[in-house]
Each structure stands twice: as C-alpha cells, then as structure tokens.
Amino acid sequence: MKYRGIYWTLFAPMIKKSIANRFGKDLAREAVGNGKSEYRRLLSHADDLGPGNPMAMNAYFAYVFAAAWLGSEKKITPDEMALVMTDVLESKLLRTFFGMTDLNRTPKKWEREMRKYAAWFEKHGKDYPVNWVVHFDESRHQDGSFYYFTRCPICEFCTREGIGDLMPALCATDEVMFRLQHGKLYREHTIAGGKGICDYWIVGDRSKDNPE
C-alpha cells in the first residue's frame, strides 16, 4: 500500500494518550515512538488496494493500531489494545464525526456505501484482486443495512504478518463505530473467527428489530 502519513499523524497522539492513561507514559512513548517505523514497514508489505478504493481507509486505520501494538513489543495484550481502539473512537473528535450520522434517520446508509464499494470493485477488481468481496441478500433483513464479506484483506494481511491475534480487537471496532452513529450491529460470524464470512446487519438504535 502507498504510504499515507495522515493516518499516523491523526491517530498516533490519541493512541499515545490512551496507552499513557491506561498503562503508563513509558509504554506509551515506546509504542508510538517505535510504531511510526512499524507503520511504514507494514504498509510497505501490504497489498495495494487500489486508487480511489472507498474501503482503503479501513486498512490504514487498522495498520496504525497494529503498528502501535508492534511498537510496544506486544507488551499490551490484544484485549487491552481493544480498549485503546475504543478510547480513540470515543475521542471527542471521532465521536463528533461519527455522531453526524444518525442511523435511525438514514438506516440504509451503510448498504449504500457498500454498493458504492461494490461498483468500484467491479471496475477495478481485476487490477487489485486482493480486496474485500462483498455480497448482498435482499431477502434478509429488509430494515436497516445487510451485507456480508467473503474476503477481508486486513485479516489476510495480519495473518500473513503474524499479527492475527489482533484481529478480534480490530473487528470489534465496527460495533463501536456503529454505536457512535446511533446504530446497532448484529453479527453472527467473522472471517477472523474462522467462519468464512463477516456479516453485517445494522439498524438504528431505536429500532425494535432484533436478530431472532
């Protein structure tokens, strides 16, 4: 992947603050101090997801946290790193950003976003085959957004790099992100969990729908 320093510049101070508060300033300095070079290294190894890919930011976001984790020499456990990720997502900046979306008012937002990605992939997938493969099933869950992936390049890359232990924490950020958008995520399977698919059913948090 092409190096995009903006993601490190934006998120590293938030990560450092969270680690310092939870685990001490020394470990925070170590994680972020070493993490910058780890971030560059990870991106140099990662598959190119293609220019204009509307999903690419998810990979950059994931690799910032992976880099900080590696920077700490894994002294922070994956479960503890999940707490750091939540702290960052719940920072004032991102809480404000995500809060601009109300999934009670725009319940189909994420289906529309995924269809935009699907259109991009249909056009560019032959050139950038290592990517998300998304599917839709309009016979299920008419309310909200429903879609599922059968391939995740983040999971493949983390497994290849020997950092697959971090995947459950990365997957869990979805639930936090949708909650900040006044939504609820119902998920039965993840690729990282060995199920072969990542399924998403997203509804507003005032919805009376449930997965039963």
N, C-alpha and C. Protein backbone atom coordinates (compact mmCIF):
# COMPACT_ATOMS: atom_id res chain seq x y z
N MET A 1 0.84 -1.20 0.00
CA MET A 1 0.00 0.00 0.00
C MET A 1 0.87 1.24 0.00
N LYS A 2 0.38 2.29 -0.62
CA LYS A 2 1.09 3.55 -0.61
C LYS A 2 1.08 4.13 0.80
N TYR A 3 2.20 4.74 1.16
CA TYR A 3 2.30 5.34 2.48
C TYR A 3 1.37 6.55 2.57
N ARG A 4 0.56 6.59 3.62
CA ARG A 4 -0.32 7.73 3.89
C ARG A 4 -0.07 8.16 5.33
N GLY A 5 0.78 9.17 5.49
CA GLY A 5 1.17 9.58 6.83
C GLY A 5 0.07 10.25 7.62
N ILE A 6 -0.96 10.73 6.94
CA ILE A 6 -2.02 11.46 7.62
C ILE A 6 -2.71 10.60 8.68
N TYR A 7 -2.81 9.30 8.42
CA TYR A 7 -3.49 8.44 9.39
C TYR A 7 -2.65 8.31 10.66
N TRP A 8 -1.35 8.16 10.51
CA TRP A 8 -0.49 8.10 11.69
C TRP A 8 -0.51 9.43 12.43
N THR A 9 -0.40 10.52 11.67
CA THR A 9 -0.39 11.84 12.29
C THR A 9 -1.67 12.10 13.08
N LEU A 10 -2.80 11.65 12.56
CA LEU A 10 -4.08 11.89 13.22
C LEU A 10 -4.27 11.02 14.45
N PHE A 11 -3.99 9.72 14.30
CA PHE A 11 -4.36 8.78 15.36
C PHE A 11 -3.27 8.52 16.39
N ALA A 12 -2.00 8.68 16.04
CA ALA A 12 -0.92 8.36 16.99
C ALA A 12 -1.02 9.15 18.29
N PRO A 13 -1.32 10.46 18.27
CA PRO A 13 -1.43 11.17 19.56
C PRO A 13 -2.58 10.63 20.42
N MET A 14 -3.68 10.23 19.79
CA MET A 14 -4.80 9.66 20.55
C MET A 14 -4.42 8.31 21.15
N ILE A 15 -3.70 7.52 20.36
CA ILE A 15 -3.24 6.22 20.86
C ILE A 15 -2.28 6.41 22.03
N LYS A 16 -1.36 7.35 21.86
CA LYS A 16 -0.39 7.62 22.93
C LYS A 16 -1.09 8.04 24.21
N LYS A 17 -2.08 8.91 24.10
CA LYS A 17 -2.81 9.37 25.28
C LYS A 17 -3.52 8.22 25.97
N SER A 18 -4.16 7.35 25.19
CA SER A 18 -4.88 6.22 25.78
C SER A 18 -3.93 5.27 26.49
N ILE A 19 -2.82 4.92 25.82
CA ILE A 19 -1.86 3.99 26.43
C ILE A 19 -1.26 4.60 27.69
N ALA A 20 -0.96 5.89 27.64
CA ALA A 20 -0.39 6.56 28.82
C ALA A 20 -1.36 6.51 29.99
N ASN A 21 -2.62 6.76 29.73
CA ASN A 21 -3.63 6.75 30.79
C ASN A 21 -3.84 5.35 31.36
N ARG A 22 -3.79 4.37 30.49
CA ARG A 22 -4.10 3.01 30.93
C ARG A 22 -2.88 2.22 31.42
N PHE A 23 -1.72 2.45 30.79
CA PHE A 23 -0.58 1.57 31.05
C PHE A 23 0.71 2.32 31.37
N GLY A 24 0.65 3.63 31.39
CA GLY A 24 1.83 4.40 31.77
C GLY A 24 2.49 5.13 30.60
N LYS A 25 3.14 6.23 30.95
CA LYS A 25 3.74 7.09 29.93
C LYS A 25 4.92 6.42 29.23
N ASP A 26 5.67 5.62 29.96
CA ASP A 26 6.84 4.99 29.35
C ASP A 26 6.43 4.04 28.23
N LEU A 27 5.42 3.23 28.47
CA LEU A 27 4.97 2.31 27.45
C LEU A 27 4.34 3.06 26.29
N ALA A 28 3.66 4.16 26.58
CA ALA A 28 3.06 4.97 25.52
C ALA A 28 4.14 5.54 24.60
N ARG A 29 5.21 6.04 25.19
CA ARG A 29 6.31 6.58 24.38
C ARG A 29 6.94 5.48 23.54
N GLU A 30 7.10 4.31 24.12
CA GLU A 30 7.70 3.20 23.39
C GLU A 30 6.81 2.76 22.22
N ALA A 31 5.53 2.60 22.50
CA ALA A 31 4.60 2.11 21.48
C ALA A 31 4.53 3.06 20.29
N VAL A 32 4.39 4.35 20.57
CA VAL A 32 4.25 5.32 19.50
C VAL A 32 5.60 5.67 18.88
N GLY A 33 6.64 5.73 19.71
CA GLY A 33 7.97 6.03 19.18
C GLY A 33 8.45 4.98 18.20
N ASN A 34 8.25 3.71 18.53
CA ASN A 34 8.64 2.62 17.63
C ASN A 34 7.58 2.38 16.55
N GLY A 35 6.35 2.77 16.86
CA GLY A 35 5.24 2.45 15.97
C GLY A 35 5.29 3.16 14.63
N LYS A 36 5.89 4.35 14.60
CA LYS A 36 5.92 5.10 13.34
C LYS A 36 6.65 4.33 12.26
N SER A 37 7.79 3.77 12.59
CA SER A 37 8.53 2.98 11.60
C SER A 37 7.81 1.67 11.31
N GLU A 38 7.14 1.11 12.31
CA GLU A 38 6.38 -0.13 12.08
C GLU A 38 5.22 0.13 11.11
N TYR A 39 4.60 1.30 11.23
CA TYR A 39 3.51 1.65 10.33
C TYR A 39 4.00 1.72 8.89
N ARG A 40 5.13 2.36 8.70
CA ARG A 40 5.69 2.45 7.35
C ARG A 40 6.06 1.06 6.84
N ARG A 41 6.62 0.23 7.71
CA ARG A 41 7.00 -1.14 7.30
C ARG A 41 5.78 -1.96 6.92
N LEU A 42 4.73 -1.89 7.74
CA LEU A 42 3.52 -2.64 7.44
C LEU A 42 2.94 -2.25 6.10
N LEU A 43 2.87 -0.94 5.84
CA LEU A 43 2.31 -0.50 4.57
C LEU A 43 3.17 -0.96 3.39
N SER A 44 4.47 -1.04 3.59
CA SER A 44 5.35 -1.49 2.50
C SER A 44 5.12 -2.97 2.19
N HIS A 45 4.59 -3.72 3.13
CA HIS A 45 4.31 -5.15 2.93
C HIS A 45 2.89 -5.41 2.46
N ALA A 46 1.99 -4.49 2.74
CA ALA A 46 0.56 -4.72 2.48
C ALA A 46 0.25 -4.63 0.98
N ASP A 47 -0.72 -5.43 0.55
CA ASP A 47 -1.15 -5.41 -0.84
C ASP A 47 -1.78 -4.06 -1.18
N ASP A 48 -1.53 -3.59 -2.40
CA ASP A 48 -2.14 -2.36 -2.88
C ASP A 48 -3.62 -2.60 -3.11
N LEU A 49 -4.46 -1.82 -2.44
CA LEU A 49 -5.92 -1.98 -2.55
C LEU A 49 -6.52 -1.16 -3.68
N GLY A 50 -5.69 -0.35 -4.32
CA GLY A 50 -6.16 0.38 -5.49
C GLY A 50 -6.51 1.82 -5.22
N PRO A 51 -6.24 2.72 -6.19
CA PRO A 51 -6.57 4.14 -6.02
C PRO A 51 -8.07 4.36 -6.01
N GLY A 52 -8.49 5.24 -5.12
CA GLY A 52 -9.92 5.58 -5.05
C GLY A 52 -10.77 4.52 -4.37
N ASN A 53 -10.14 3.52 -3.76
CA ASN A 53 -10.89 2.47 -3.09
C ASN A 53 -11.58 3.04 -1.85
N PRO A 54 -12.92 3.05 -1.82
CA PRO A 54 -13.61 3.67 -0.68
C PRO A 54 -13.47 2.89 0.62
N MET A 55 -12.90 1.68 0.57
CA MET A 55 -12.70 0.88 1.78
C MET A 55 -11.28 0.97 2.31
N ALA A 56 -10.37 1.57 1.55
CA ALA A 56 -8.95 1.55 1.91
C ALA A 56 -8.69 2.18 3.27
N MET A 57 -9.47 3.19 3.65
CA MET A 57 -9.23 3.84 4.93
C MET A 57 -9.36 2.87 6.10
N ASN A 58 -10.16 1.82 5.93
CA ASN A 58 -10.28 0.82 6.99
C ASN A 58 -8.95 0.12 7.23
N ALA A 59 -8.22 -0.15 6.15
CA ALA A 59 -6.92 -0.80 6.29
C ALA A 59 -5.91 0.14 6.94
N TYR A 60 -5.87 1.39 6.49
CA TYR A 60 -4.95 2.35 7.09
C TYR A 60 -5.23 2.50 8.59
N PHE A 61 -6.49 2.58 8.94
CA PHE A 61 -6.89 2.68 10.35
C PHE A 61 -6.39 1.47 11.13
N ALA A 62 -6.61 0.29 10.58
CA ALA A 62 -6.20 -0.94 11.26
C ALA A 62 -4.69 -1.00 11.44
N TYR A 63 -3.94 -0.59 10.43
CA TYR A 63 -2.49 -0.75 10.48
C TYR A 63 -1.83 0.27 11.40
N VAL A 64 -2.48 1.40 11.65
CA VAL A 64 -1.97 2.32 12.67
C VAL A 64 -1.97 1.65 14.03
N PHE A 65 -3.05 0.99 14.37
CA PHE A 65 -3.13 0.32 15.67
C PHE A 65 -2.20 -0.89 15.73
N ALA A 66 -2.11 -1.62 14.62
CA ALA A 66 -1.18 -2.75 14.58
C ALA A 66 0.25 -2.28 14.78
N ALA A 67 0.58 -1.13 14.18
CA ALA A 67 1.93 -0.60 14.31
C ALA A 67 2.24 -0.20 15.75
N ALA A 68 1.28 0.45 16.41
CA ALA A 68 1.49 0.83 17.81
C ALA A 68 1.62 -0.41 18.69
N TRP A 69 0.85 -1.42 18.39
CA TRP A 69 0.93 -2.68 19.15
C TRP A 69 2.31 -3.31 18.98
N LEU A 70 2.79 -3.36 17.74
CA LEU A 70 4.12 -3.88 17.49
C LEU A 70 5.18 -2.99 18.13
N GLY A 71 4.93 -1.67 18.12
CA GLY A 71 5.86 -0.74 18.74
C GLY A 71 6.03 -0.98 20.23
N SER A 72 4.97 -1.49 20.85
CA SER A 72 5.04 -1.81 22.28
C SER A 72 5.70 -3.16 22.54
N GLU A 73 6.11 -3.83 21.45
CA GLU A 73 6.66 -5.18 21.52
C GLU A 73 5.64 -6.15 22.11
N LYS A 74 4.38 -5.86 21.83
CA LYS A 74 3.24 -6.68 22.27
C LYS A 74 3.15 -6.79 23.79
N LYS A 75 3.68 -5.78 24.47
CA LYS A 75 3.52 -5.74 25.92
C LYS A 75 2.08 -5.44 26.30
N ILE A 76 1.35 -4.85 25.37
CA ILE A 76 -0.08 -4.64 25.52
C ILE A 76 -0.78 -5.86 24.91
N THR A 77 -1.70 -6.46 25.61
CA THR A 77 -2.39 -7.62 25.07
C THR A 77 -3.39 -7.18 24.01
N PRO A 78 -3.82 -8.11 23.13
CA PRO A 78 -4.85 -7.75 22.15
C PRO A 78 -6.12 -7.22 22.81
N ASP A 79 -6.53 -7.81 23.93
CA ASP A 79 -7.73 -7.31 24.62
C ASP A 79 -7.51 -5.90 25.14
N GLU A 80 -6.32 -5.62 25.63
CA GLU A 80 -6.02 -4.27 26.09
C GLU A 80 -5.96 -3.30 24.92
N MET A 81 -5.46 -3.78 23.79
CA MET A 81 -5.41 -2.93 22.60
C MET A 81 -6.82 -2.60 22.13
N ALA A 82 -7.76 -3.50 22.34
CA ALA A 82 -9.15 -3.22 22.01
C ALA A 82 -9.67 -2.03 22.81
N LEU A 83 -9.24 -1.92 24.06
CA LEU A 83 -9.64 -0.78 24.89
C LEU A 83 -9.05 0.52 24.35
N VAL A 84 -7.82 0.45 23.88
CA VAL A 84 -7.18 1.63 23.28
C VAL A 84 -7.94 2.06 22.03
N MET A 85 -8.31 1.10 21.20
CA MET A 85 -9.07 1.41 19.99
C MET A 85 -10.39 2.08 20.34
N THR A 86 -11.05 1.58 21.37
CA THR A 86 -12.32 2.17 21.79
C THR A 86 -12.10 3.60 22.30
N ASP A 87 -11.03 3.80 23.06
CA ASP A 87 -10.73 5.16 23.54
C ASP A 87 -10.58 6.13 22.37
N VAL A 88 -9.89 5.69 21.33
CA VAL A 88 -9.65 6.56 20.18
C VAL A 88 -10.97 6.85 19.46
N LEU A 89 -11.75 5.82 19.24
CA LEU A 89 -13.04 6.01 18.56
C LEU A 89 -13.98 6.90 19.36
N GLU A 90 -13.86 6.83 20.68
CA GLU A 90 -14.73 7.63 21.53
C GLU A 90 -14.11 8.98 21.91
N SER A 91 -13.01 9.32 21.26
CA SER A 91 -12.42 10.64 21.47
C SER A 91 -13.40 11.71 21.00
N LYS A 92 -13.21 12.91 21.49
CA LYS A 92 -14.14 13.98 21.14
C LYS A 92 -14.22 14.18 19.62
N LEU A 93 -13.07 14.12 18.95
CA LEU A 93 -13.04 14.34 17.51
C LEU A 93 -13.86 13.30 16.76
N LEU A 94 -13.60 12.03 17.04
CA LEU A 94 -14.29 10.98 16.29
C LEU A 94 -15.72 10.80 16.74
N ARG A 95 -15.98 11.04 18.02
CA ARG A 95 -17.36 10.98 18.49
C ARG A 95 -18.20 12.02 17.77
N THR A 96 -17.62 13.21 17.58
CA THR A 96 -18.33 14.26 16.84
C THR A 96 -18.52 13.87 15.38
N PHE A 97 -17.46 13.33 14.77
CA PHE A 97 -17.52 12.95 13.36
C PHE A 97 -18.57 11.87 13.13
N PHE A 98 -18.50 10.79 13.89
CA PHE A 98 -19.45 9.70 13.69
C PHE A 98 -20.86 10.12 14.10
N GLY A 99 -20.94 11.00 15.10
CA GLY A 99 -22.24 11.44 15.57
C GLY A 99 -23.01 12.26 14.56
N MET A 100 -22.35 12.68 13.49
CA MET A 100 -23.04 13.41 12.43
C MET A 100 -23.99 12.50 11.65
N THR A 101 -23.81 11.20 11.81
CA THR A 101 -24.70 10.23 11.17
C THR A 101 -25.65 9.67 12.21
N ASP A 102 -26.93 9.64 11.88
CA ASP A 102 -27.94 9.03 12.74
C ASP A 102 -28.60 7.91 11.95
N LEU A 103 -28.26 6.68 12.29
CA LEU A 103 -28.77 5.54 11.53
C LEU A 103 -30.26 5.29 11.76
N ASN A 104 -30.85 6.00 12.69
CA ASN A 104 -32.31 5.96 12.79
C ASN A 104 -32.95 6.75 11.65
N ARG A 105 -32.25 7.79 11.20
CA ARG A 105 -32.76 8.62 10.12
C ARG A 105 -32.32 8.12 8.75
N THR A 106 -31.13 7.52 8.69
CA THR A 106 -30.61 7.02 7.41
C THR A 106 -30.24 5.55 7.56
N PRO A 107 -31.24 4.68 7.77
CA PRO A 107 -30.95 3.28 8.08
C PRO A 107 -30.27 2.51 6.96
N LYS A 108 -30.33 3.00 5.73
CA LYS A 108 -29.72 2.30 4.60
C LYS A 108 -28.34 2.86 4.24
N LYS A 109 -27.82 3.74 5.08
CA LYS A 109 -26.55 4.40 4.75
C LYS A 109 -25.46 3.41 4.40
N TRP A 110 -25.27 2.39 5.23
CA TRP A 110 -24.13 1.51 5.02
C TRP A 110 -24.34 0.53 3.88
N GLU A 111 -25.57 0.21 3.57
CA GLU A 111 -25.81 -0.57 2.36
C GLU A 111 -25.43 0.25 1.13
N ARG A 112 -25.80 1.53 1.14
CA ARG A 112 -25.43 2.40 0.02
C ARG A 112 -23.92 2.52 -0.11
N GLU A 113 -23.23 2.66 1.03
CA GLU A 113 -21.78 2.78 1.00
C GLU A 113 -21.14 1.52 0.44
N MET A 114 -21.65 0.36 0.83
CA MET A 114 -21.09 -0.89 0.35
C MET A 114 -21.39 -1.12 -1.13
N ARG A 115 -22.51 -0.63 -1.58
CA ARG A 115 -22.81 -0.75 -3.02
C ARG A 115 -21.89 0.16 -3.84
N LYS A 116 -21.50 1.29 -3.27
CA LYS A 116 -20.51 2.13 -3.93
C LYS A 116 -19.18 1.38 -4.04
N TYR A 117 -18.81 0.72 -2.94
CA TYR A 117 -17.57 -0.07 -2.99
C TYR A 117 -17.69 -1.19 -4.01
N ALA A 118 -18.83 -1.88 -4.02
CA ALA A 118 -19.02 -3.00 -4.96
C ALA A 118 -18.88 -2.51 -6.40
N ALA A 119 -19.39 -1.32 -6.68
CA ALA A 119 -19.26 -0.75 -8.03
C ALA A 119 -17.79 -0.46 -8.34
N TRP A 120 -17.08 0.06 -7.35
CA TRP A 120 -15.64 0.33 -7.54
C TRP A 120 -14.91 -0.98 -7.81
N PHE A 121 -15.21 -2.01 -7.04
CA PHE A 121 -14.51 -3.29 -7.19
C PHE A 121 -14.84 -3.96 -8.52
N GLU A 122 -16.06 -3.82 -8.97
CA GLU A 122 -16.42 -4.39 -10.27
C GLU A 122 -15.57 -3.77 -11.38
N LYS A 123 -15.25 -2.52 -11.23
CA LYS A 123 -14.46 -1.81 -12.24
C LYS A 123 -12.97 -2.07 -12.10
N HIS A 124 -12.48 -2.18 -10.87
CA HIS A 124 -11.04 -2.23 -10.63
C HIS A 124 -10.53 -3.55 -10.06
N GLY A 125 -11.44 -4.47 -9.74
CA GLY A 125 -11.03 -5.69 -9.05
C GLY A 125 -10.03 -6.55 -9.79
N LYS A 126 -10.07 -6.54 -11.11
CA LYS A 126 -9.11 -7.35 -11.87
C LYS A 126 -7.68 -6.86 -11.66
N ASP A 127 -7.54 -5.56 -11.48
CA ASP A 127 -6.21 -4.98 -11.26
C ASP A 127 -5.78 -5.06 -9.80
N TYR A 128 -6.74 -5.12 -8.89
CA TYR A 128 -6.45 -5.16 -7.45
C TYR A 128 -7.28 -6.27 -6.81
N PRO A 129 -6.93 -7.53 -7.10
CA PRO A 129 -7.78 -8.65 -6.66
C PRO A 129 -7.77 -8.90 -5.16
N VAL A 130 -6.70 -8.51 -4.48
CA VAL A 130 -6.65 -8.71 -3.02
C VAL A 130 -7.44 -7.58 -2.39
N ASN A 131 -8.71 -7.84 -2.12
CA ASN A 131 -9.63 -6.82 -1.66
C ASN A 131 -10.82 -7.47 -0.98
N TRP A 132 -11.70 -6.65 -0.46
CA TRP A 132 -12.93 -7.16 0.13
C TRP A 132 -13.84 -7.67 -0.98
N VAL A 133 -14.52 -8.76 -0.71
CA VAL A 133 -15.55 -9.27 -1.63
C VAL A 133 -16.87 -9.19 -0.87
N VAL A 134 -17.75 -8.30 -1.33
CA VAL A 134 -18.99 -8.01 -0.62
C VAL A 134 -20.18 -8.60 -1.36
N HIS A 135 -21.17 -9.05 -0.60
CA HIS A 135 -22.39 -9.64 -1.15
C HIS A 135 -23.60 -9.01 -0.46
N PHE A 136 -24.71 -9.04 -1.17
CA PHE A 136 -25.97 -8.51 -0.64
C PHE A 136 -27.04 -9.59 -0.79
N ASP A 137 -27.96 -9.61 0.16
CA ASP A 137 -29.08 -10.56 0.12
C ASP A 137 -30.34 -9.79 0.52
N GLU A 138 -31.07 -9.36 -0.49
CA GLU A 138 -32.24 -8.52 -0.23
C GLU A 138 -33.41 -9.30 0.37
N SER A 139 -33.28 -10.63 0.43
CA SER A 139 -34.34 -11.42 1.03
C SER A 139 -34.24 -11.44 2.56
N ARG A 140 -33.15 -10.94 3.09
CA ARG A 140 -32.94 -10.94 4.54
C ARG A 140 -32.93 -9.51 5.06
N HIS A 141 -33.51 -9.34 6.23
CA HIS A 141 -33.40 -8.08 6.97
C HIS A 141 -33.73 -6.87 6.11
N GLN A 142 -35.00 -6.72 5.79
CA GLN A 142 -35.42 -5.59 4.96
C GLN A 142 -35.13 -4.25 5.63
N ASP A 143 -35.16 -4.22 6.94
CA ASP A 143 -34.87 -2.98 7.66
C ASP A 143 -33.36 -2.82 7.85
N GLY A 144 -32.91 -1.58 7.81
CA GLY A 144 -31.50 -1.31 8.01
C GLY A 144 -30.66 -1.74 6.82
N SER A 145 -29.39 -2.01 7.09
CA SER A 145 -28.45 -2.43 6.05
C SER A 145 -27.98 -3.84 6.34
N PHE A 146 -27.98 -4.67 5.32
CA PHE A 146 -27.44 -6.03 5.48
C PHE A 146 -26.52 -6.34 4.31
N TYR A 147 -25.33 -6.82 4.63
CA TYR A 147 -24.38 -7.26 3.62
C TYR A 147 -23.37 -8.17 4.32
N TYR A 148 -22.56 -8.85 3.53
CA TYR A 148 -21.53 -9.69 4.13
C TYR A 148 -20.33 -9.80 3.20
N PHE A 149 -19.18 -10.02 3.82
CA PHE A 149 -17.93 -10.18 3.08
C PHE A 149 -17.49 -11.64 3.12
N THR A 150 -16.91 -12.08 2.02
CA THR A 150 -16.30 -13.41 1.99
C THR A 150 -14.79 -13.33 1.83
N ARG A 151 -14.28 -12.12 1.81
CA ARG A 151 -12.83 -11.93 1.80
C ARG A 151 -12.52 -10.62 2.48
N CYS A 152 -11.45 -10.62 3.30
CA CYS A 152 -11.03 -9.41 4.01
C CYS A 152 -9.52 -9.29 3.89
N PRO A 153 -9.03 -8.30 3.17
CA PRO A 153 -7.58 -8.16 3.02
C PRO A 153 -6.86 -7.82 4.32
N ILE A 154 -7.54 -7.17 5.24
CA ILE A 154 -6.91 -6.86 6.53
C ILE A 154 -6.63 -8.15 7.29
N CYS A 155 -7.60 -9.04 7.32
CA CYS A 155 -7.43 -10.32 8.00
C CYS A 155 -6.32 -11.14 7.34
N GLU A 156 -6.32 -11.17 6.03
CA GLU A 156 -5.29 -11.93 5.31
C GLU A 156 -3.90 -11.37 5.60
N PHE A 157 -3.80 -10.05 5.59
CA PHE A 157 -2.50 -9.42 5.82
C PHE A 157 -2.02 -9.65 7.24
N CYS A 158 -2.89 -9.44 8.21
CA CYS A 158 -2.49 -9.62 9.61
C CYS A 158 -2.08 -11.06 9.88
N THR A 159 -2.78 -12.00 9.28
CA THR A 159 -2.41 -13.41 9.44
C THR A 159 -1.04 -13.67 8.83
N ARG A 160 -0.82 -13.12 7.64
CA ARG A 160 0.45 -13.31 6.95
C ARG A 160 1.61 -12.68 7.72
N GLU A 161 1.34 -11.56 8.39
CA GLU A 161 2.38 -10.85 9.14
C GLU A 161 2.58 -11.39 10.55
N GLY A 162 1.80 -12.39 10.92
CA GLY A 162 1.94 -12.97 12.25
C GLY A 162 1.31 -12.14 13.35
N ILE A 163 0.36 -11.28 12.98
CA ILE A 163 -0.31 -10.44 13.99
C ILE A 163 -1.82 -10.69 13.96
N GLY A 164 -2.19 -11.89 13.57
CA GLY A 164 -3.61 -12.23 13.51
C GLY A 164 -4.31 -12.17 14.86
N ASP A 165 -3.53 -12.26 15.96
CA ASP A 165 -4.13 -12.19 17.29
C ASP A 165 -4.85 -10.86 17.53
N LEU A 166 -4.50 -9.85 16.74
CA LEU A 166 -5.12 -8.54 16.92
C LEU A 166 -6.45 -8.42 16.20
N MET A 167 -6.77 -9.37 15.33
CA MET A 167 -7.96 -9.24 14.50
C MET A 167 -9.27 -9.13 15.30
N PRO A 168 -9.50 -9.93 16.34
CA PRO A 168 -10.76 -9.77 17.08
C PRO A 168 -10.96 -8.35 17.61
N ALA A 169 -9.87 -7.73 18.06
CA ALA A 169 -9.96 -6.35 18.55
C ALA A 169 -10.30 -5.40 17.41
N LEU A 170 -9.69 -5.61 16.25
CA LEU A 170 -9.99 -4.76 15.10
C LEU A 170 -11.43 -4.95 14.64
N CYS A 171 -11.90 -6.19 14.63
CA CYS A 171 -13.29 -6.46 14.24
C CYS A 171 -14.27 -5.77 15.19
N ALA A 172 -13.91 -5.74 16.46
CA ALA A 172 -14.81 -5.17 17.47
C ALA A 172 -15.00 -3.67 17.31
N THR A 173 -14.10 -3.01 16.57
CA THR A 173 -14.28 -1.56 16.38
C THR A 173 -15.53 -1.26 15.57
N ASP A 174 -15.99 -2.22 14.76
CA ASP A 174 -17.22 -1.99 13.98
C ASP A 174 -18.39 -1.68 14.90
N GLU A 175 -18.52 -2.47 15.94
CA GLU A 175 -19.64 -2.28 16.87
C GLU A 175 -19.60 -0.89 17.51
N VAL A 176 -18.39 -0.45 17.87
CA VAL A 176 -18.24 0.87 18.48
C VAL A 176 -18.60 1.96 17.48
N MET A 177 -18.09 1.82 16.26
CA MET A 177 -18.34 2.84 15.25
C MET A 177 -19.82 3.01 14.96
N PHE A 178 -20.54 1.89 14.83
CA PHE A 178 -21.97 1.99 14.54
C PHE A 178 -22.74 2.52 15.75
N ARG A 179 -22.29 2.18 16.94
CA ARG A 179 -22.94 2.71 18.14
C ARG A 179 -22.83 4.24 18.18
N LEU A 180 -21.69 4.76 17.77
CA LEU A 180 -21.49 6.20 17.76
C LEU A 180 -22.34 6.88 16.68
N GLN A 181 -22.84 6.09 15.75
CA GLN A 181 -23.75 6.59 14.72
C GLN A 181 -25.21 6.28 15.07
N HIS A 182 -25.45 6.06 16.35
CA HIS A 182 -26.80 5.77 16.84
C HIS A 182 -27.35 4.49 16.20
N GLY A 183 -26.47 3.51 16.07
CA GLY A 183 -26.88 2.26 15.46
C GLY A 183 -26.51 1.05 16.30
N LYS A 184 -26.96 -0.10 15.84
CA LYS A 184 -26.64 -1.38 16.46
C LYS A 184 -26.18 -2.32 15.36
N LEU A 185 -25.13 -3.07 15.66
CA LEU A 185 -24.63 -4.08 14.74
C LEU A 185 -24.96 -5.46 15.27
N TYR A 186 -25.64 -6.24 14.44
CA TYR A 186 -25.86 -7.65 14.74
C TYR A 186 -24.95 -8.46 13.83
N ARG A 187 -24.12 -9.29 14.43
CA ARG A 187 -23.16 -10.07 13.65
C ARG A 187 -23.09 -11.48 14.22
N GLU A 188 -23.14 -12.44 13.32
CA GLU A 188 -23.07 -13.83 13.73
C GLU A 188 -21.71 -14.46 13.46
N HIS A 189 -21.01 -13.96 12.44
CA HIS A 189 -19.77 -14.60 12.02
C HIS A 189 -18.72 -13.57 11.63
N THR A 190 -17.45 -13.95 11.76
CA THR A 190 -16.36 -13.15 11.23
C THR A 190 -15.37 -14.07 10.51
N ILE A 191 -14.73 -13.52 9.50
CA ILE A 191 -13.69 -14.27 8.81
C ILE A 191 -12.54 -14.56 9.77
N ALA A 192 -12.21 -13.58 10.60
CA ALA A 192 -11.12 -13.76 11.56
C ALA A 192 -11.42 -14.89 12.54
N GLY A 193 -12.72 -15.12 12.79
CA GLY A 193 -13.12 -16.20 13.68
C GLY A 193 -13.18 -17.55 13.00
N GLY A 194 -12.79 -17.60 11.74
CA GLY A 194 -12.73 -18.87 11.02
C GLY A 194 -14.03 -19.28 10.38
N LYS A 195 -15.00 -18.37 10.27
CA LYS A 195 -16.31 -18.72 9.76
C LYS A 195 -16.46 -18.51 8.26
N GLY A 196 -15.48 -17.85 7.64
CA GLY A 196 -15.52 -17.68 6.19
C GLY A 196 -16.30 -16.47 5.71
N ILE A 197 -17.07 -15.86 6.59
CA ILE A 197 -17.80 -14.64 6.22
C ILE A 197 -17.79 -13.67 7.40
N CYS A 198 -17.92 -12.38 7.06
CA CYS A 198 -18.21 -11.34 8.05
C CYS A 198 -19.57 -10.77 7.68
N ASP A 199 -20.54 -10.96 8.52
CA ASP A 199 -21.89 -10.49 8.21
C ASP A 199 -22.22 -9.25 9.03
N TYR A 200 -22.96 -8.36 8.39
CA TYR A 200 -23.32 -7.09 9.00
C TYR A 200 -24.82 -6.88 8.81
N TRP A 201 -25.51 -6.75 9.92
CA TRP A 201 -26.89 -6.24 9.88
C TRP A 201 -26.91 -5.05 10.83
N ILE A 202 -27.14 -3.87 10.27
CA ILE A 202 -27.02 -2.62 11.01
C ILE A 202 -28.36 -1.91 11.01
N VAL A 203 -28.86 -1.57 12.19
CA VAL A 203 -30.12 -0.84 12.32
C VAL A 203 -29.92 0.32 13.29
N GLY A 204 -30.83 1.26 13.27
CA GLY A 204 -30.78 2.35 14.23
C GLY A 204 -30.98 1.85 15.64
N ASP A 205 -30.43 2.57 16.61
CA ASP A 205 -30.52 2.09 17.99
C ASP A 205 -31.91 2.24 18.60
N ARG A 206 -32.83 2.88 17.88
CA ARG A 206 -34.21 2.94 18.34
C ARG A 206 -35.08 1.89 17.62
N SER A 207 -34.45 1.13 16.76
CA SER A 207 -35.19 0.09 16.03
C SER A 207 -35.62 -1.02 16.98
N LYS A 208 -36.81 -1.56 16.75
CA LYS A 208 -37.28 -2.68 17.55
C LYS A 208 -36.93 -4.02 16.93
N ASP A 209 -36.23 -3.96 15.79
CA ASP A 209 -35.78 -5.21 15.15
C ASP A 209 -34.72 -5.88 15.98
N ASN A 210 -34.66 -7.16 15.91
CA ASN A 210 -33.62 -7.93 16.59
C ASN A 210 -33.33 -9.17 15.75
N PRO A 211 -32.23 -9.87 16.03
CA PRO A 211 -31.84 -10.98 15.18
C PRO A 211 -32.62 -12.25 15.36
N GLU A 212 -33.62 -12.27 16.22
CA GLU A 212 -34.37 -13.50 16.44
C GLU A 212 -35.28 -13.81 15.26
